[in-house]
Amino acid sequence: MREPFQIAVSVDVLDDLRNRLTNTRLPPDVGIAGWTDRVEPAYLADLITYWRTGCDCRAQERHLNQFHHSRATVDGTRLHFIHEPGV
């Protein structure tokens, strides 16, 4: 059975995420360039900084909640999905 769903992230969860991002320890840069073996440390550092200070999670939540979200259980697996009719 399909049930309506809206994204509603608690302040506690966002605070925990911010704390985890602040306390992230990056691996040392050992001179490996490119994406062959891992994420480049500089890219990862920029991404962490964006998530910690630049991302407006509430704005993203409002944007995503403009869509028709639903949840359902299929063969015992709980699913979250967006169903938007085509135009």
C-alpha atoms as a PDB file:
ATOM      1  CA  MET A   1       0.000   0.000   0.000  1.00  0.00           C
ATOM      2  CA  ARG A   2       1.284   3.437  -0.957  1.00  0.00           C
ATOM      3  CA  GLU A   3       1.339   6.203   1.662  1.00  0.00           C
ATOM      4  CA  PRO A   4       2.206   9.910   1.256  1.00  0.00           C
ATOM      5  CA  PHE A   5       5.520  11.044   2.668  1.00  0.00           C
ATOM      6  CA  GLN A   6       7.305  14.354   3.267  1.00  0.00           C
ATOM      7  CA  ILE A   7      10.946  14.908   4.091  1.00  0.00           C
ATOM      8  CA  ALA A   8      11.302  16.382   7.582  1.00  0.00           C
ATOM      9  CA  VAL A   9      14.828  16.219   8.979  1.00  0.00           C
ATOM     10  CA  SER A  10      15.058  17.086  12.669  1.00  0.00           C
ATOM     11  CA  VAL A  11      17.335  19.816  14.012  1.00  0.00           C
ATOM     12  CA  ASP A  12      19.144  17.150  16.058  1.00  0.00           C
ATOM     13  CA  VAL A  13      20.017  15.196  12.916  1.00  0.00           C
ATOM     14  CA  LEU A  14      21.307  18.313  11.137  1.00  0.00           C
ATOM     15  CA  ASP A  15      23.339  19.331  14.210  1.00  0.00           C
ATOM     16  CA  ASP A  16      24.823  15.821  14.387  1.00  0.00           C
ATOM     17  CA  LEU A  17      25.731  15.958  10.690  1.00  0.00           C
ATOM     18  CA  ARG A  18      27.388  19.359  11.116  1.00  0.00           C
ATOM     19  CA  ASN A  19      29.382  18.053  14.100  1.00  0.00           C
ATOM     20  CA  ARG A  20      30.482  14.948  12.206  1.00  0.00           C
ATOM     21  CA  LEU A  21      31.576  17.055   9.250  1.00  0.00           C
ATOM     22  CA  THR A  22      33.471  19.436  11.534  1.00  0.00           C
ATOM     23  CA  ASN A  23      35.267  16.498  13.160  1.00  0.00           C
ATOM     24  CA  THR A  24      36.108  14.684   9.914  1.00  0.00           C
ATOM     25  CA  ARG A  25      39.761  13.719   9.665  1.00  0.00           C
ATOM     26  CA  LEU A  26      40.999  13.504   6.106  1.00  0.00           C
ATOM     27  CA  PRO A  27      43.689  11.007   5.106  1.00  0.00           C
ATOM     28  CA  PRO A  28      47.107  12.459   4.395  1.00  0.00           C
ATOM     29  CA  ASP A  29      47.779  13.533   0.841  1.00  0.00           C
ATOM     30  CA  VAL A  30      50.407  11.036  -0.315  1.00  0.00           C
ATOM     31  CA  GLY A  31      50.876  12.545  -3.748  1.00  0.00           C
ATOM     32  CA  ILE A  32      48.461  10.355  -5.670  1.00  0.00           C
ATOM     33  CA  ALA A  33      46.797  12.543  -8.269  1.00  0.00           C
ATOM     34  CA  GLY A  34      43.551  11.792 -10.019  1.00  0.00           C
ATOM     35  CA  TRP A  35      40.610   9.596  -9.222  1.00  0.00           C
ATOM     36  CA  THR A  36      42.131   6.229 -10.099  1.00  0.00           C
ATOM     37  CA  ASP A  37      42.605   4.962  -6.561  1.00  0.00           C
ATOM     38  CA  ARG A  38      40.552   7.329  -4.402  1.00  0.00           C
ATOM     39  CA  VAL A  39      38.825  10.675  -4.101  1.00  0.00           C
ATOM     40  CA  GLU A  40      41.269  13.551  -4.325  1.00  0.00           C
ATOM     41  CA  PRO A  41      41.755  14.959  -0.801  1.00  0.00           C
ATOM     42  CA  ALA A  42      41.335  18.577  -1.950  1.00  0.00           C
ATOM     43  CA  TYR A  43      37.994  17.758  -3.601  1.00  0.00           C
ATOM     44  CA  LEU A  44      36.833  15.899  -0.511  1.00  0.00           C
ATOM     45  CA  ALA A  45      37.865  18.797   1.748  1.00  0.00           C
ATOM     46  CA  ASP A  46      35.916  21.249  -0.440  1.00  0.00           C
ATOM     47  CA  LEU A  47      32.880  18.967  -0.397  1.00  0.00           C
ATOM     48  CA  ILE A  48      32.973  18.670   3.391  1.00  0.00           C
ATOM     49  CA  THR A  49      33.288  22.452   3.737  1.00  0.00           C
ATOM     50  CA  TYR A  50      30.291  22.958   1.429  1.00  0.00           C
ATOM     51  CA  TRP A  51      28.126  20.507   3.380  1.00  0.00           C
ATOM     52  CA  ARG A  52      29.209  22.066   6.674  1.00  0.00           C
ATOM     53  CA  THR A  53      28.885  25.764   5.806  1.00  0.00           C
ATOM     54  CA  GLY A  54      27.379  26.307   2.360  1.00  0.00           C
ATOM     55  CA  CYS A  55      24.485  23.893   1.999  1.00  0.00           C
ATOM     56  CA  ASP A  56      21.069  25.212   3.043  1.00  0.00           C
ATOM     57  CA  CYS A  57      19.494  21.935   4.117  1.00  0.00           C
ATOM     58  CA  ARG A  58      16.120  23.515   4.857  1.00  0.00           C
ATOM     59  CA  ALA A  59      15.965  25.058   1.367  1.00  0.00           C
ATOM     60  CA  GLN A  60      16.790  21.655  -0.135  1.00  0.00           C
ATOM     61  CA  GLU A  61      14.116  20.051   2.027  1.00  0.00           C
ATOM     62  CA  ARG A  62      11.524  22.598   0.805  1.00  0.00           C
ATOM     63  CA  HIS A  63      12.587  22.056  -2.811  1.00  0.00           C
ATOM     64  CA  LEU A  64      12.374  18.267  -2.580  1.00  0.00           C
ATOM     65  CA  ASN A  65       8.994  18.411  -0.833  1.00  0.00           C
ATOM     66  CA  GLN A  66       7.516  20.062  -3.927  1.00  0.00           C
ATOM     67  CA  PHE A  67       7.419  16.577  -5.443  1.00  0.00           C
ATOM     68  CA  HIS A  68       4.904  13.823  -4.666  1.00  0.00           C
ATOM     69  CA  HIS A  69       6.781  11.513  -2.299  1.00  0.00           C
ATOM     70  CA  SER A  70       5.420   8.148  -1.249  1.00  0.00           C
ATOM     71  CA  ARG A  71       6.493   5.128   0.728  1.00  0.00           C
ATOM     72  CA  ALA A  72       5.518   1.540   0.201  1.00  0.00           C
ATOM     73  CA  THR A  73       6.625  -1.946   1.159  1.00  0.00           C
ATOM     74  CA  VAL A  74       7.405  -4.270  -1.731  1.00  0.00           C
ATOM     75  CA  ASP A  75       8.290  -7.892  -0.966  1.00  0.00           C
ATOM     76  CA  GLY A  76       9.237  -6.894   2.589  1.00  0.00           C
ATOM     77  CA  THR A  77      11.472  -3.991   1.532  1.00  0.00           C
ATOM     78  CA  ARG A  78      10.515  -0.457   2.563  1.00  0.00           C
ATOM     79  CA  LEU A  79      10.808   1.952  -0.374  1.00  0.00           C
ATOM     80  CA  HIS A  80      10.693   5.715  -0.687  1.00  0.00           C
ATOM     81  CA  PHE A  81       9.941   7.058  -4.145  1.00  0.00           C
ATOM     82  CA  ILE A  82       8.766  10.100  -6.054  1.00  0.00           C
ATOM     83  CA  HIS A  83       5.866   9.730  -8.460  1.00  0.00           C
ATOM     84  CA  GLU A  84       5.341  12.678 -10.779  1.00  0.00           C
ATOM     85  CA  PRO A  85       3.045  12.380 -13.777  1.00  0.00           C
ATOM     86  CA  GLY A  86       4.537  13.370 -17.121  1.00  0.00           C
ATOM     87  CA  VAL A  87       3.354  16.473 -18.907  1.00  0.00           C
END
